[in-house]
Amino acid sequence: MRIETLTGMILVVLGIVLILIGVAPRILETIPRLHPLIYTQITIGDLKIGTSPLIIIILTVLYLVLMMRSQL
């Protein structure tokens, strides 16, 4: 399996997980607080934006590694 295919599959799965984590607070009103590095939610009025700083860091490092690898 090519590295690009594997990376794409991992990104799709992570995207689905992040979408489910973002929908979870609406479905489950009493979810336990997650560590801010795993999931952070910002509320602006009625708009709720959730993200995972840990996933952003991992994907940035993965992107940089793949970009440096392609330069060789």
C-alpha atoms as a PDB file:
ATOM      1  CA  MET A   1       0.000   0.000   0.000  1.00  0.00           C
ATOM      2  CA  ARG A   2       1.373   3.404  -0.928  1.00  0.00           C
ATOM      3  CA  ILE A   3       2.082   5.929   1.824  1.00  0.00           C
ATOM      4  CA  GLU A   4      -0.279   8.460   0.220  1.00  0.00           C
ATOM      5  CA  THR A   5      -3.162   5.979   0.302  1.00  0.00           C
ATOM      6  CA  LEU A   6      -2.470   5.095   3.918  1.00  0.00           C
ATOM      7  CA  THR A   7      -2.205   8.763   4.888  1.00  0.00           C
ATOM      8  CA  GLY A   8      -5.488   9.510   3.120  1.00  0.00           C
ATOM      9  CA  MET A   9      -7.269   6.695   4.919  1.00  0.00           C
ATOM     10  CA  ILE A  10      -5.909   7.878   8.281  1.00  0.00           C
ATOM     11  CA  LEU A  11      -7.029  11.454   7.586  1.00  0.00           C
ATOM     12  CA  VAL A  12     -10.533  10.322   6.603  1.00  0.00           C
ATOM     13  CA  VAL A  13     -10.873   8.271   9.801  1.00  0.00           C
ATOM     14  CA  LEU A  14      -9.574  11.166  11.922  1.00  0.00           C
ATOM     15  CA  GLY A  15     -12.022  13.510  10.201  1.00  0.00           C
ATOM     16  CA  ILE A  16     -14.935  11.207  10.987  1.00  0.00           C
ATOM     17  CA  VAL A  17     -13.799  10.942  14.615  1.00  0.00           C
ATOM     18  CA  LEU A  18     -13.550  14.736  14.920  1.00  0.00           C
ATOM     19  CA  ILE A  19     -17.020  15.177  13.415  1.00  0.00           C
ATOM     20  CA  LEU A  20     -18.453  12.649  15.862  1.00  0.00           C
ATOM     21  CA  ILE A  21     -16.708  14.365  18.779  1.00  0.00           C
ATOM     22  CA  GLY A  22     -18.191  17.689  17.643  1.00  0.00           C
ATOM     23  CA  VAL A  23     -21.702  16.221  17.444  1.00  0.00           C
ATOM     24  CA  ALA A  24     -21.409  14.343  20.744  1.00  0.00           C
ATOM     25  CA  PRO A  25     -22.101  17.342  23.048  1.00  0.00           C
ATOM     26  CA  ARG A  26     -25.452  17.867  21.338  1.00  0.00           C
ATOM     27  CA  ILE A  27     -26.409  14.216  21.644  1.00  0.00           C
ATOM     28  CA  LEU A  28     -25.060  13.595  25.129  1.00  0.00           C
ATOM     29  CA  GLU A  29     -25.721  16.510  27.427  1.00  0.00           C
ATOM     30  CA  THR A  30     -23.598  15.197  30.283  1.00  0.00           C
ATOM     31  CA  ILE A  31     -20.310  14.128  28.749  1.00  0.00           C
ATOM     32  CA  PRO A  32     -17.242  14.248  30.983  1.00  0.00           C
ATOM     33  CA  ARG A  33     -14.770  17.036  30.376  1.00  0.00           C
ATOM     34  CA  LEU A  34     -11.984  16.037  28.028  1.00  0.00           C
ATOM     35  CA  HIS A  35      -8.423  17.280  28.376  1.00  0.00           C
ATOM     36  CA  PRO A  36      -8.000  20.569  26.425  1.00  0.00           C
ATOM     37  CA  LEU A  37      -5.207  19.019  24.359  1.00  0.00           C
ATOM     38  CA  ILE A  38      -7.588  16.319  23.100  1.00  0.00           C
ATOM     39  CA  TYR A  39     -10.661  18.478  22.436  1.00  0.00           C
ATOM     40  CA  THR A  40     -11.237  22.211  22.693  1.00  0.00           C
ATOM     41  CA  GLN A  41     -14.564  23.894  22.051  1.00  0.00           C
ATOM     42  CA  ILE A  42     -15.126  27.608  21.513  1.00  0.00           C
ATOM     43  CA  THR A  43     -18.627  29.065  21.744  1.00  0.00           C
ATOM     44  CA  ILE A  44     -19.496  32.321  19.977  1.00  0.00           C
ATOM     45  CA  GLY A  45     -23.154  33.079  20.530  1.00  0.00           C
ATOM     46  CA  ASP A  46     -25.018  30.007  19.277  1.00  0.00           C
ATOM     47  CA  LEU A  47     -22.076  28.833  17.160  1.00  0.00           C
ATOM     48  CA  LYS A  48     -19.903  26.100  18.681  1.00  0.00           C
ATOM     49  CA  ILE A  49     -16.544  25.320  17.091  1.00  0.00           C
ATOM     50  CA  GLY A  50     -14.606  22.280  18.273  1.00  0.00           C
ATOM     51  CA  THR A  51     -11.113  21.157  17.376  1.00  0.00           C
ATOM     52  CA  SER A  52      -8.320  18.947  18.593  1.00  0.00           C
ATOM     53  CA  PRO A  53      -4.977  20.713  19.065  1.00  0.00           C
ATOM     54  CA  LEU A  54      -3.244  17.338  19.376  1.00  0.00           C
ATOM     55  CA  ILE A  55      -4.539  16.194  15.978  1.00  0.00           C
ATOM     56  CA  ILE A  56      -3.546  19.533  14.427  1.00  0.00           C
ATOM     57  CA  ILE A  57       0.003  19.155  15.775  1.00  0.00           C
ATOM     58  CA  ILE A  58       0.280  15.542  14.582  1.00  0.00           C
ATOM     59  CA  LEU A  59      -1.044  16.369  11.111  1.00  0.00           C
ATOM     60  CA  THR A  60       1.276  19.381  10.800  1.00  0.00           C
ATOM     61  CA  VAL A  61       4.301  17.239  11.671  1.00  0.00           C
ATOM     62  CA  LEU A  62       3.138  14.535   9.250  1.00  0.00           C
ATOM     63  CA  TYR A  63       2.691  17.134   6.508  1.00  0.00           C
ATOM     64  CA  LEU A  64       6.169  18.575   7.100  1.00  0.00           C
ATOM     65  CA  VAL A  65       7.757  15.111   7.079  1.00  0.00           C
ATOM     66  CA  LEU A  66       6.037  14.210   3.813  1.00  0.00           C
ATOM     67  CA  MET A  67       6.981  17.541   2.238  1.00  0.00           C
ATOM     68  CA  MET A  68      10.633  17.181   3.270  1.00  0.00           C
ATOM     69  CA  ARG A  69      10.640  13.596   2.000  1.00  0.00           C
ATOM     70  CA  SER A  70       9.363  14.676  -1.410  1.00  0.00           C
ATOM     71  CA  GLN A  71      12.149  17.282  -1.697  1.00  0.00           C
ATOM     72  CA  LEU A  72      14.849  14.586  -1.565  1.00  0.00           C
END
